[in-house]
Amino acid sequence: MAGEVRKVCGAVAVVLLGLTACSDSPAPTSPPPSSARSSSAATGPAPPPAGRDLPRGGRAIFPKYQLVAYVGMPGSPALGPLDKDLDAKAAKLETLARAYAAGRTPQPVMELITVVAKSSRGKDGLYRGRLDDAKIEEYLTVARKHKMLLLLDIQPGRAKILPEVKRLERWLKEPDVGLAFDPEWAVGPGQVPGKVFGHTTGAELDSIAAYLSGLVRANDLPEKVFVFHQLSARIVGDERALKKHPGVVTIKSVDGIGARTDKLKTWAKLTTKLPPAVHAGFKLFYTEDARHGPLMTPAQVLALKPRPELVVYE
C-alpha cells in the first residue's frame, strides 16, 4: 500500500509516506439557507426535482438506476474531473453513464469534495478545510440543470465525522443531495492525513446512516445515497455493525488503485463478505490506474461480481 499514490488539493500525496497540501483554513459554519448566494446563481440554487422525487423520477434508487459519478473539487484538477467547466463535464458524464446502463436507467452523480484533508493543522488543529456554501450551491445548480445527484464528500482529517456531516444538514435535507465519506483521511489525535491511513468502524458508519435515515423520514425525502470509500481492509473495522436503515442506500466504493489485476484482487477482498445492507461500488482513477495499463472499460467493470451499482471516476 505504501507505493500507492493519491492526489490531494492539487499536490501529490503518497499514502503512508507523503503529505497532503491545500490552502486556507476551514470555512465558517453554514449560514441559514436564505443567505446563501453564488456567482452563478444569485438567487439560490435551481428548485429541487418536482414532487421532491429523485432527479429522474421515483423515490427508490435501486434496482431502477445505475449510478455513475465524477468526483472533484473546484480548482483542483488532481482530485478528479469536477474542477471546472461543469456543464461540459456534465455532458461527458451523461455519455459515460449511458455506457453503464445495461438494462437500468443511467443516473449520473456529481461527487463534490466538500471537506478536504490537509497536511497543515489549520486554525483549529483539525487538518481539514471546508468548501464554502457558495461553491456547494454552484455545483447543486449544475447538478439540477442536468438532472444529476450531488454527493457531498467528506475527508475529515482529525475532525469527528458525524459533526462534519451534521454541519451539512441544510444541504442533506434536499431530495437530490447525498453523502460520501472517505475514511482513509479520517485520522486520530497526533496523526497527520497522508502520513498514515485513516480508519472508521461499522458502528461509526451505522451512526451516519441512522442520522441520514432520520432526515429522510422527517423531511419526506426519497432514498438518500450514502457512500463510503475503502482502499484496503484495514480502513473499516467490524463492518458487520453497519445495518440497513430505512430510506438510506449505503454503498461501499472499492477504491483499489493500479493495474487491473491488482484492482480485481482488492475488489474480491472487499466484496466477498459484503454486509446485506451494503451495495457494491467501484472506483477508477484516470491517472493512477492508467500508469499500469488501459483503464477498465464499462463492459469489464459491469462483469464484476457483484455488479457495481455505483462507478466513480477520479
C-alpha atoms as a PDB file:
ATOM      1  CA  MET A   1       0.000   0.000   0.000  1.00  0.00           C
ATOM      2  CA  ALA A   2       2.857   2.393   0.685  1.00  0.00           C
ATOM      3  CA  GLY A   3       3.562   2.712  -3.009  1.00  0.00           C
ATOM      4  CA  GLU A   4       0.023   3.722  -3.912  1.00  0.00           C
ATOM      5  CA  VAL A   5      -0.314   7.349  -4.900  1.00  0.00           C
ATOM      6  CA  ARG A   6      -3.262   9.580  -4.110  1.00  0.00           C
ATOM      7  CA  LYS A   7      -3.652  13.232  -5.162  1.00  0.00           C
ATOM      8  CA  VAL A   8      -4.998  15.796  -2.751  1.00  0.00           C
ATOM      9  CA  CYS A   9      -5.589  19.538  -3.237  1.00  0.00           C
ATOM     10  CA  GLY A  10      -3.506  19.734  -6.409  1.00  0.00           C
ATOM     11  CA  ALA A  11      -0.402  18.149  -4.880  1.00  0.00           C
ATOM     12  CA  VAL A  12       0.681  14.519  -4.758  1.00  0.00           C
ATOM     13  CA  ALA A  13       0.095  12.607  -1.522  1.00  0.00           C
ATOM     14  CA  VAL A  14       1.860   9.270  -1.166  1.00  0.00           C
ATOM     15  CA  VAL A  15      -0.174   7.125   1.175  1.00  0.00           C
ATOM     16  CA  LEU A  16       1.749   6.370   4.405  1.00  0.00           C
ATOM     17  CA  LEU A  17       4.711   8.425   3.234  1.00  0.00           C
ATOM     18  CA  GLY A  18       3.673  11.711   1.635  1.00  0.00           C
ATOM     19  CA  LEU A  19       1.715  14.774   2.661  1.00  0.00           C
ATOM     20  CA  THR A  20      -1.469  16.392   1.513  1.00  0.00           C
ATOM     21  CA  ALA A  21      -1.482  20.084   0.745  1.00  0.00           C
ATOM     22  CA  CYS A  22      -4.278  22.571   0.290  1.00  0.00           C
ATOM     23  CA  SER A  23      -4.810  26.197   1.056  1.00  0.00           C
ATOM     24  CA  ASP A  24      -6.704  28.123   3.667  1.00  0.00           C
ATOM     25  CA  SER A  25      -8.356  27.207   6.938  1.00  0.00           C
ATOM     26  CA  PRO A  26     -11.867  25.847   7.497  1.00  0.00           C
ATOM     27  CA  ALA A  27     -14.741  27.961   6.271  1.00  0.00           C
ATOM     28  CA  PRO A  28     -17.265  29.278   8.797  1.00  0.00           C
ATOM     29  CA  THR A  29     -20.335  27.319   9.781  1.00  0.00           C
ATOM     30  CA  SER A  30     -23.104  27.267   7.154  1.00  0.00           C
ATOM     31  CA  PRO A  31     -25.380  30.332   7.153  1.00  0.00           C
ATOM     32  CA  PRO A  32     -29.171  29.965   7.021  1.00  0.00           C
ATOM     33  CA  PRO A  33     -30.443  28.809   3.621  1.00  0.00           C
ATOM     34  CA  SER A  34     -31.814  32.241   2.695  1.00  0.00           C
ATOM     35  CA  SER A  35     -28.385  33.852   2.977  1.00  0.00           C
ATOM     36  CA  ALA A  36     -26.512  31.556   0.577  1.00  0.00           C
ATOM     37  CA  ARG A  37     -25.539  33.089  -2.735  1.00  0.00           C
ATOM     38  CA  SER A  38     -23.152  32.160  -5.565  1.00  0.00           C
ATOM     39  CA  SER A  39     -21.789  33.930  -8.621  1.00  0.00           C
ATOM     40  CA  SER A  40     -23.660  31.554 -10.917  1.00  0.00           C
ATOM     41  CA  ALA A  41     -26.949  31.568  -9.019  1.00  0.00           C
ATOM     42  CA  ALA A  42     -27.517  34.893  -7.294  1.00  0.00           C
ATOM     43  CA  THR A  43     -30.983  33.910  -6.100  1.00  0.00           C
ATOM     44  CA  GLY A  44     -30.066  30.457  -4.811  1.00  0.00           C
ATOM     45  CA  PRO A  45     -29.833  27.036  -6.461  1.00  0.00           C
ATOM     46  CA  ALA A  46     -32.311  25.809  -9.009  1.00  0.00           C
ATOM     47  CA  PRO A  47     -35.503  24.358  -7.480  1.00  0.00           C
ATOM     48  CA  PRO A  48     -35.451  20.705  -6.414  1.00  0.00           C
ATOM     49  CA  PRO A  49     -36.982  17.973  -8.583  1.00  0.00           C
ATOM     50  CA  ALA A  50     -40.764  18.022  -8.907  1.00  0.00           C
ATOM     51  CA  GLY A  51     -42.564  16.402  -6.026  1.00  0.00           C
ATOM     52  CA  ARG A  52     -39.254  16.118  -4.163  1.00  0.00           C
ATOM     53  CA  ASP A  53     -38.556  12.950  -6.114  1.00  0.00           C
ATOM     54  CA  LEU A  54     -35.190  11.774  -7.414  1.00  0.00           C
ATOM     55  CA  PRO A  55     -33.820  13.824 -10.353  1.00  0.00           C
ATOM     56  CA  ARG A  56     -35.018  11.288 -12.952  1.00  0.00           C
ATOM     57  CA  GLY A  57     -38.182  10.224 -11.200  1.00  0.00           C
ATOM     58  CA  GLY A  58     -39.339   7.978  -8.418  1.00  0.00           C
ATOM     59  CA  ARG A  59     -38.164   7.703  -4.831  1.00  0.00           C
ATOM     60  CA  ALA A  60     -36.113   4.465  -4.865  1.00  0.00           C
ATOM     61  CA  ILE A  61     -32.522   4.238  -6.167  1.00  0.00           C
ATOM     62  CA  PHE A  62     -32.201   0.504  -6.856  1.00  0.00           C
ATOM     63  CA  PRO A  63     -32.852  -1.551  -8.863  1.00  0.00           C
ATOM     64  CA  LYS A  64     -34.043   1.141 -11.292  1.00  0.00           C
ATOM     65  CA  TYR A  65     -30.893   3.233 -11.506  1.00  0.00           C
ATOM     66  CA  GLN A  66     -27.228   2.654 -12.340  1.00  0.00           C
ATOM     67  CA  LEU A  67     -25.105   5.346 -10.689  1.00  0.00           C
ATOM     68  CA  VAL A  68     -22.006   6.717 -12.431  1.00  0.00           C
ATOM     69  CA  ALA A  69     -20.036   9.549 -10.823  1.00  0.00           C
ATOM     70  CA  TYR A  70     -17.352  12.095 -11.472  1.00  0.00           C
ATOM     71  CA  VAL A  71     -15.523  13.304  -8.369  1.00  0.00           C
ATOM     72  CA  GLY A  72     -13.693  16.578  -7.862  1.00  0.00           C
ATOM     73  CA  MET A  73     -13.238  19.931  -6.176  1.00  0.00           C
ATOM     74  CA  PRO A  74     -13.096  23.479  -7.576  1.00  0.00           C
ATOM     75  CA  GLY A  75      -9.637  24.441  -8.835  1.00  0.00           C
ATOM     76  CA  SER A  76      -8.069  21.049  -8.020  1.00  0.00           C
ATOM     77  CA  PRO A  77      -7.717  19.012 -11.247  1.00  0.00           C
ATOM     78  CA  ALA A  78      -5.617  16.404  -9.424  1.00  0.00           C
ATOM     79  CA  LEU A  79      -8.702  15.425  -7.418  1.00  0.00           C
ATOM     80  CA  GLY A  80     -10.837  14.499 -10.400  1.00  0.00           C
ATOM     81  CA  PRO A  81     -12.757  15.907 -13.381  1.00  0.00           C
ATOM     82  CA  LEU A  82     -15.114  18.190 -11.456  1.00  0.00           C
ATOM     83  CA  ASP A  83     -12.627  21.032 -11.021  1.00  0.00           C
ATOM     84  CA  LYS A  84     -14.133  23.460 -13.591  1.00  0.00           C
ATOM     85  CA  ASP A  85     -16.212  23.671 -16.802  1.00  0.00           C
ATOM     86  CA  LEU A  86     -19.046  21.915 -15.010  1.00  0.00           C
ATOM     87  CA  ASP A  87     -21.578  21.964 -17.831  1.00  0.00           C
ATOM     88  CA  ALA A  88     -19.069  20.417 -20.244  1.00  0.00           C
ATOM     89  CA  LYS A  89     -18.101  17.807 -17.660  1.00  0.00           C
ATOM     90  CA  ALA A  90     -21.779  17.052 -17.040  1.00  0.00           C
ATOM     91  CA  ALA A  91     -22.262  16.353 -20.747  1.00  0.00           C
ATOM     92  CA  LYS A  92     -19.317  13.920 -20.732  1.00  0.00           C
ATOM     93  CA  LEU A  93     -20.616  12.248 -17.601  1.00  0.00           C
ATOM     94  CA  GLU A  94     -24.024  11.797 -19.204  1.00  0.00           C
ATOM     95  CA  THR A  95     -22.454   9.960 -22.137  1.00  0.00           C
ATOM     96  CA  LEU A  96     -20.345   7.822 -19.806  1.00  0.00           C
ATOM     97  CA  ALA A  97     -23.338   6.932 -17.644  1.00  0.00           C
ATOM     98  CA  ARG A  98     -25.245   5.658 -20.688  1.00  0.00           C
ATOM     99  CA  ALA A  99     -22.396   3.223 -21.363  1.00  0.00           C
ATOM    100  CA  TYR A 100     -23.135   1.627 -17.983  1.00  0.00           C
ATOM    101  CA  ALA A 101     -26.922   1.350 -18.335  1.00  0.00           C
ATOM    102  CA  ALA A 102     -27.072  -2.412 -19.050  1.00  0.00           C
ATOM    103  CA  GLY A 103     -30.810  -2.644 -18.524  1.00  0.00           C
ATOM    104  CA  ARG A 104     -31.051   0.120 -15.946  1.00  0.00           C
ATOM    105  CA  THR A 105     -31.714   3.863 -16.148  1.00  0.00           C
ATOM    106  CA  PRO A 106     -28.416   5.778 -16.033  1.00  0.00           C
ATOM    107  CA  GLN A 107     -28.225   8.261 -13.164  1.00  0.00           C
ATOM    108  CA  PRO A 108     -25.136  10.494 -13.302  1.00  0.00           C
ATOM    109  CA  VAL A 109     -23.720  11.707  -9.983  1.00  0.00           C
ATOM    110  CA  MET A 110     -21.516  14.678  -9.155  1.00  0.00           C
ATOM    111  CA  GLU A 111     -19.381  13.861  -6.095  1.00  0.00           C
ATOM    112  CA  LEU A 112     -18.093  17.141  -4.716  1.00  0.00           C
ATOM    113  CA  ILE A 113     -15.265  17.069  -2.174  1.00  0.00           C
ATOM    114  CA  THR A 114     -16.740  19.402   0.411  1.00  0.00           C
ATOM    115  CA  VAL A 115     -14.353  18.740   3.313  1.00  0.00           C
ATOM    116  CA  VAL A 116     -10.767  18.017   2.281  1.00  0.00           C
ATOM    117  CA  ALA A 117      -7.912  16.589   4.366  1.00  0.00           C
ATOM    118  CA  LYS A 118      -4.838  18.798   4.757  1.00  0.00           C
ATOM    119  CA  SER A 119      -1.235  18.332   5.821  1.00  0.00           C
ATOM    120  CA  SER A 120      -1.327  21.571   7.850  1.00  0.00           C
ATOM    121  CA  ARG A 121      -3.208  21.745  11.141  1.00  0.00           C
ATOM    122  CA  GLY A 122      -5.229  24.885  10.398  1.00  0.00           C
ATOM    123  CA  LYS A 123      -6.538  27.338  12.989  1.00  0.00           C
ATOM    124  CA  ASP A 124      -8.458  24.653  14.878  1.00  0.00           C
ATOM    125  CA  GLY A 125      -5.809  21.940  14.563  1.00  0.00           C
ATOM    126  CA  LEU A 126      -8.125  19.539  12.735  1.00  0.00           C
ATOM    127  CA  TYR A 127      -6.149  19.133   9.489  1.00  0.00           C
ATOM    128  CA  ARG A 128      -9.072  19.735   7.172  1.00  0.00           C
ATOM    129  CA  GLY A 129     -10.507  22.531   5.069  1.00  0.00           C
ATOM    130  CA  ARG A 130     -14.136  23.167   4.184  1.00  0.00           C
ATOM    131  CA  LEU A 131     -15.656  24.302   0.916  1.00  0.00           C
ATOM    132  CA  ASP A 132     -17.868  27.349   1.314  1.00  0.00           C
ATOM    133  CA  ASP A 133     -21.619  27.265   0.755  1.00  0.00           C
ATOM    134  CA  ALA A 134     -21.450  29.360  -2.406  1.00  0.00           C
ATOM    135  CA  LYS A 135     -19.435  26.639  -4.148  1.00  0.00           C
ATOM    136  CA  ILE A 136     -21.742  23.861  -2.956  1.00  0.00           C
ATOM    137  CA  GLU A 137     -24.665  25.876  -4.282  1.00  0.00           C
ATOM    138  CA  GLU A 138     -22.915  26.319  -7.632  1.00  0.00           C
ATOM    139  CA  TYR A 139     -22.448  22.567  -8.019  1.00  0.00           C
ATOM    140  CA  LEU A 140     -26.002  21.821  -6.910  1.00  0.00           C
ATOM    141  CA  THR A 141     -27.339  24.259  -9.513  1.00  0.00           C
ATOM    142  CA  VAL A 142     -25.422  22.479 -12.279  1.00  0.00           C
ATOM    143  CA  ALA A 143     -26.450  19.052 -10.981  1.00  0.00           C
ATOM    144  CA  ARG A 144     -30.106  20.075 -11.074  1.00  0.00           C
ATOM    145  CA  LYS A 145     -29.789  21.567 -14.526  1.00  0.00           C
ATOM    146  CA  HIS A 146     -28.651  18.156 -15.805  1.00  0.00           C
ATOM    147  CA  LYS A 147     -30.905  16.042 -13.523  1.00  0.00           C
ATOM    148  CA  MET A 148     -27.983  14.589 -11.616  1.00  0.00           C
ATOM    149  CA  LEU A 149     -27.487  13.631  -7.996  1.00  0.00           C
ATOM    150  CA  LEU A 150     -24.999  15.593  -5.893  1.00  0.00           C
ATOM    151  CA  LEU A 151     -22.913  13.800  -3.261  1.00  0.00           C
ATOM    152  CA  LEU A 152     -21.067  15.827  -0.640  1.00  0.00           C
ATOM    153  CA  ASP A 153     -17.764  14.057   0.074  1.00  0.00           C
ATOM    154  CA  ILE A 154     -16.013  14.411   3.436  1.00  0.00           C
ATOM    155  CA  GLN A 155     -12.311  13.817   4.161  1.00  0.00           C
ATOM    156  CA  PRO A 156     -12.389  14.818   7.849  1.00  0.00           C
ATOM    157  CA  GLY A 157      -8.732  14.850   8.878  1.00  0.00           C
ATOM    158  CA  ARG A 158      -8.738  14.919  12.692  1.00  0.00           C
ATOM    159  CA  ALA A 159     -12.323  16.189  12.887  1.00  0.00           C
ATOM    160  CA  LYS A 160     -15.072  13.862  14.080  1.00  0.00           C
ATOM    161  CA  ILE A 161     -17.088  12.657  11.121  1.00  0.00           C
ATOM    162  CA  LEU A 162     -20.651  12.977  12.450  1.00  0.00           C
ATOM    163  CA  PRO A 163     -20.342  16.699  13.346  1.00  0.00           C
ATOM    164  CA  GLU A 164     -18.948  17.328   9.861  1.00  0.00           C
ATOM    165  CA  VAL A 165     -21.953  15.515   8.386  1.00  0.00           C
ATOM    166  CA  LYS A 166     -24.436  17.425  10.546  1.00  0.00           C
ATOM    167  CA  ARG A 167     -22.854  20.737   9.537  1.00  0.00           C
ATOM    168  CA  LEU A 168     -24.103  19.974   6.006  1.00  0.00           C
ATOM    169  CA  GLU A 169     -27.668  19.289   7.127  1.00  0.00           C
ATOM    170  CA  ARG A 170     -29.217  22.190   5.190  1.00  0.00           C
ATOM    171  CA  TRP A 171     -27.960  20.530   2.010  1.00  0.00           C
ATOM    172  CA  LEU A 172     -28.716  16.955   3.076  1.00  0.00           C
ATOM    173  CA  LYS A 173     -32.364  17.901   3.558  1.00  0.00           C
ATOM    174  CA  GLU A 174     -32.556  18.335  -0.221  1.00  0.00           C
ATOM    175  CA  PRO A 175     -34.060  15.373  -2.133  1.00  0.00           C
ATOM    176  CA  ASP A 176     -31.192  15.134  -4.621  1.00  0.00           C
ATOM    177  CA  VAL A 177     -28.198  15.528  -2.276  1.00  0.00           C
ATOM    178  CA  GLY A 178     -26.407  12.552  -0.732  1.00  0.00           C
ATOM    179  CA  LEU A 179     -23.230  11.937   1.234  1.00  0.00           C
ATOM    180  CA  ALA A 180     -19.822  10.341   0.689  1.00  0.00           C
ATOM    181  CA  PHE A 181     -17.237   9.613   3.404  1.00  0.00           C
ATOM    182  CA  ASP A 182     -13.568   8.878   2.733  1.00  0.00           C
ATOM    183  CA  PRO A 183     -12.258   7.296   5.967  1.00  0.00           C
ATOM    184  CA  GLU A 184      -8.770   6.881   4.506  1.00  0.00           C
ATOM    185  CA  TRP A 185      -8.402  10.549   5.501  1.00  0.00           C
ATOM    186  CA  ALA A 186     -10.037  10.251   8.956  1.00  0.00           C
ATOM    187  CA  VAL A 187      -7.098  10.198  11.371  1.00  0.00           C
ATOM    188  CA  GLY A 188      -6.769  10.191  15.137  1.00  0.00           C
ATOM    189  CA  PRO A 189      -5.173  12.634  17.587  1.00  0.00           C
ATOM    190  CA  GLY A 190      -1.480  13.143  16.868  1.00  0.00           C
ATOM    191  CA  GLN A 191      -1.814  11.771  13.331  1.00  0.00           C
ATOM    192  CA  VAL A 192      -1.482  13.646  10.027  1.00  0.00           C
ATOM    193  CA  PRO A 193      -3.588  12.783   6.949  1.00  0.00           C
ATOM    194  CA  GLY A 194      -1.442  11.252   4.219  1.00  0.00           C
ATOM    195  CA  LYS A 195       1.221  10.010   6.633  1.00  0.00           C
ATOM    196  CA  VAL A 196      -0.993   7.213   7.922  1.00  0.00           C
ATOM    197  CA  PHE A 197      -4.161   5.520   6.763  1.00  0.00           C
ATOM    198  CA  GLY A 198      -7.273   6.816   8.421  1.00  0.00           C
ATOM    199  CA  HIS A 199      -9.854   4.467   9.865  1.00  0.00           C
ATOM    200  CA  THR A 200     -13.513   4.065  10.689  1.00  0.00           C
ATOM    201  CA  THR A 201     -15.764   1.352  12.102  1.00  0.00           C
ATOM    202  CA  GLY A 202     -19.025  -0.243  11.132  1.00  0.00           C
ATOM    203  CA  ALA A 203     -20.581   1.348  14.216  1.00  0.00           C
ATOM    204  CA  GLU A 204     -19.472   4.820  13.108  1.00  0.00           C
ATOM    205  CA  LEU A 205     -20.790   4.242   9.597  1.00  0.00           C
ATOM    206  CA  ASP A 206     -24.037   2.996  11.113  1.00  0.00           C
ATOM    207  CA  SER A 207     -24.406   6.211  13.129  1.00  0.00           C
ATOM    208  CA  ILE A 208     -24.103   8.234   9.918  1.00  0.00           C
ATOM    209  CA  ALA A 209     -26.653   6.073   8.111  1.00  0.00           C
ATOM    210  CA  ALA A 210     -29.045   6.361  11.073  1.00  0.00           C
ATOM    211  CA  TYR A 211     -28.734  10.150  11.035  1.00  0.00           C
ATOM    212  CA  LEU A 212     -29.447  10.288   7.296  1.00  0.00           C
ATOM    213  CA  SER A 213     -32.421   7.981   7.766  1.00  0.00           C
ATOM    214  CA  GLY A 214     -33.819  10.427  10.307  1.00  0.00           C
ATOM    215  CA  LEU A 215     -33.515  13.282   7.797  1.00  0.00           C
ATOM    216  CA  VAL A 216     -35.293  11.232   5.137  1.00  0.00           C
ATOM    217  CA  ARG A 217     -38.144  10.420   7.498  1.00  0.00           C
ATOM    218  CA  ALA A 218     -38.505  13.923   8.944  1.00  0.00           C
ATOM    219  CA  ASN A 219     -38.439  15.662   5.565  1.00  0.00           C
ATOM    220  CA  ASP A 220     -40.353  13.131   3.428  1.00  0.00           C
ATOM    221  CA  LEU A 221     -37.356  12.604   1.135  1.00  0.00           C
ATOM    222  CA  PRO A 222     -36.685   9.943  -1.492  1.00  0.00           C
ATOM    223  CA  GLU A 223     -33.968   7.402  -0.793  1.00  0.00           C
ATOM    224  CA  LYS A 224     -30.667   9.051   0.020  1.00  0.00           C
ATOM    225  CA  VAL A 225     -27.305   7.730  -1.172  1.00  0.00           C
ATOM    226  CA  PHE A 226     -24.556   7.215   1.419  1.00  0.00           C
ATOM    227  CA  VAL A 227     -21.179   6.142   0.005  1.00  0.00           C
ATOM    228  CA  PHE A 228     -18.124   5.145   1.999  1.00  0.00           C
ATOM    229  CA  HIS A 229     -14.843   4.744   0.142  1.00  0.00           C
ATOM    230  CA  GLN A 230     -12.475   1.926   1.035  1.00  0.00           C
ATOM    231  CA  LEU A 231      -8.952   1.384  -0.267  1.00  0.00           C
ATOM    232  CA  SER A 232      -7.946  -1.565   1.912  1.00  0.00           C
ATOM    233  CA  ALA A 233      -9.416  -3.890   4.537  1.00  0.00           C
ATOM    234  CA  ARG A 234      -7.693  -2.097   7.403  1.00  0.00           C
ATOM    235  CA  ILE A 235      -9.658   1.124   6.812  1.00  0.00           C
ATOM    236  CA  VAL A 236     -13.014  -0.217   8.072  1.00  0.00           C
ATOM    237  CA  GLY A 237     -13.248  -2.298  11.240  1.00  0.00           C
ATOM    238  CA  ASP A 238     -16.186  -4.518  12.220  1.00  0.00           C
ATOM    239  CA  GLU A 239     -18.142  -3.681   9.082  1.00  0.00           C
ATOM    240  CA  ARG A 240     -20.954  -6.029  10.144  1.00  0.00           C
ATOM    241  CA  ALA A 241     -22.075  -3.403  12.655  1.00  0.00           C
ATOM    242  CA  LEU A 242     -23.357  -1.366   9.701  1.00  0.00           C
ATOM    243  CA  LYS A 243     -27.080  -2.139   9.408  1.00  0.00           C
ATOM    244  CA  LYS A 244     -29.809  -1.251   6.947  1.00  0.00           C
ATOM    245  CA  HIS A 245     -31.692   1.982   7.663  1.00  0.00           C
ATOM    246  CA  PRO A 246     -34.978   2.994   6.034  1.00  0.00           C
ATOM    247  CA  GLY A 247     -34.559   5.497   3.236  1.00  0.00           C
ATOM    248  CA  VAL A 248     -30.771   5.158   3.018  1.00  0.00           C
ATOM    249  CA  VAL A 249     -28.911   3.342   0.237  1.00  0.00           C
ATOM    250  CA  THR A 250     -25.433   2.533   1.572  1.00  0.00           C
ATOM    251  CA  ILE A 251     -22.705   1.821  -0.974  1.00  0.00           C
ATOM    252  CA  LYS A 252     -19.113   0.711  -0.460  1.00  0.00           C
ATOM    253  CA  SER A 253     -16.892   2.172  -3.178  1.00  0.00           C
ATOM    254  CA  VAL A 254     -13.897  -0.121  -3.595  1.00  0.00           C
ATOM    255  CA  ASP A 255     -11.030   2.262  -4.383  1.00  0.00           C
ATOM    256  CA  GLY A 256      -8.214  -0.114  -5.316  1.00  0.00           C
ATOM    257  CA  ILE A 257      -5.516   1.604  -7.388  1.00  0.00           C
ATOM    258  CA  GLY A 258      -3.232   0.290 -10.096  1.00  0.00           C
ATOM    259  CA  ALA A 259      -3.186  -2.479 -12.674  1.00  0.00           C
ATOM    260  CA  ARG A 260      -6.405  -4.284 -13.479  1.00  0.00           C
ATOM    261  CA  THR A 261      -5.213  -7.491 -11.787  1.00  0.00           C
ATOM    262  CA  ASP A 262      -4.482  -5.581  -8.581  1.00  0.00           C
ATOM    263  CA  LYS A 263      -7.829  -3.812  -8.675  1.00  0.00           C
ATOM    264  CA  LEU A 264      -9.606  -7.150  -9.106  1.00  0.00           C
ATOM    265  CA  LYS A 265      -7.780  -8.592  -6.092  1.00  0.00           C
ATOM    266  CA  THR A 266      -8.822  -5.615  -3.973  1.00  0.00           C
ATOM    267  CA  TRP A 267     -12.376  -5.951  -5.267  1.00  0.00           C
ATOM    268  CA  ALA A 268     -12.551  -9.623  -4.312  1.00  0.00           C
ATOM    269  CA  LYS A 269     -11.095  -8.992  -0.865  1.00  0.00           C
ATOM    270  CA  LEU A 270     -13.512  -6.149  -0.046  1.00  0.00           C
ATOM    271  CA  THR A 271     -16.737  -7.545  -1.514  1.00  0.00           C
ATOM    272  CA  THR A 272     -16.625 -11.262  -0.691  1.00  0.00           C
ATOM    273  CA  LYS A 273     -18.279 -10.714   2.705  1.00  0.00           C
ATOM    274  CA  LEU A 274     -20.272  -7.607   1.899  1.00  0.00           C
ATOM    275  CA  PRO A 275     -22.876  -6.959   4.624  1.00  0.00           C
ATOM    276  CA  PRO A 276     -26.503  -7.403   3.465  1.00  0.00           C
ATOM    277  CA  ALA A 277     -27.162  -3.680   3.996  1.00  0.00           C
ATOM    278  CA  VAL A 278     -24.356  -2.580   1.657  1.00  0.00           C
ATOM    279  CA  HIS A 279     -24.329  -2.241  -2.135  1.00  0.00           C
ATOM    280  CA  ALA A 280     -21.131  -2.513  -4.173  1.00  0.00           C
ATOM    281  CA  GLY A 281     -19.368   0.377  -5.908  1.00  0.00           C
ATOM    282  CA  PHE A 282     -16.129   0.578  -7.885  1.00  0.00           C
ATOM    283  CA  LYS A 283     -13.676   3.429  -8.473  1.00  0.00           C
ATOM    284  CA  LEU A 284     -11.430   4.135 -11.462  1.00  0.00           C
ATOM    285  CA  PHE A 285      -8.525   6.589 -11.451  1.00  0.00           C
ATOM    286  CA  TYR A 286      -7.787   8.339 -14.734  1.00  0.00           C
ATOM    287  CA  THR A 287      -4.140   8.989 -13.839  1.00  0.00           C
ATOM    288  CA  GLU A 288      -3.041   6.382 -11.286  1.00  0.00           C
ATOM    289  CA  ASP A 289      -4.710   3.387 -12.976  1.00  0.00           C
ATOM    290  CA  ALA A 290      -3.557   4.439 -16.442  1.00  0.00           C
ATOM    291  CA  ARG A 291       0.084   4.237 -15.328  1.00  0.00           C
ATOM    292  CA  HIS A 292      -0.359   0.463 -15.233  1.00  0.00           C
ATOM    293  CA  GLY A 293      -2.264  -0.104 -18.468  1.00  0.00           C
ATOM    294  CA  PRO A 294      -5.547   0.789 -20.156  1.00  0.00           C
ATOM    295  CA  LEU A 295      -8.397   1.952 -17.951  1.00  0.00           C
ATOM    296  CA  MET A 296     -11.001  -0.760 -17.417  1.00  0.00           C
ATOM    297  CA  THR A 297     -13.921  -0.479 -19.832  1.00  0.00           C
ATOM    298  CA  PRO A 298     -17.586  -0.263 -18.799  1.00  0.00           C
ATOM    299  CA  ALA A 299     -18.074  -3.847 -20.006  1.00  0.00           C
ATOM    300  CA  GLN A 300     -15.173  -5.053 -17.837  1.00  0.00           C
ATOM    301  CA  VAL A 301     -16.490  -3.184 -14.803  1.00  0.00           C
ATOM    302  CA  LEU A 302     -20.032  -4.467 -15.255  1.00  0.00           C
ATOM    303  CA  ALA A 303     -18.681  -8.028 -15.483  1.00  0.00           C
ATOM    304  CA  LEU A 304     -17.556  -7.819 -11.842  1.00  0.00           C
ATOM    305  CA  LYS A 305     -19.496  -9.851  -9.296  1.00  0.00           C
ATOM    306  CA  PRO A 306     -21.402  -8.456  -7.523  1.00  0.00           C
ATOM    307  CA  ARG A 307     -22.404  -5.825 -10.082  1.00  0.00           C
ATOM    308  CA  PRO A 308     -21.029  -2.385  -9.129  1.00  0.00           C
ATOM    309  CA  GLU A 309     -24.166  -0.286  -8.778  1.00  0.00           C
ATOM    310  CA  LEU A 310     -22.054   2.858  -8.478  1.00  0.00           C
ATOM    311  CA  VAL A 311     -18.986   3.518 -10.625  1.00  0.00           C
ATOM    312  CA  VAL A 312     -16.824   6.514  -9.667  1.00  0.00           C
ATOM    313  CA  TYR A 313     -14.207   8.219 -11.841  1.00  0.00           C
ATOM    314  CA  GLU A 314     -11.446  10.345 -10.317  1.00  0.00           C
END
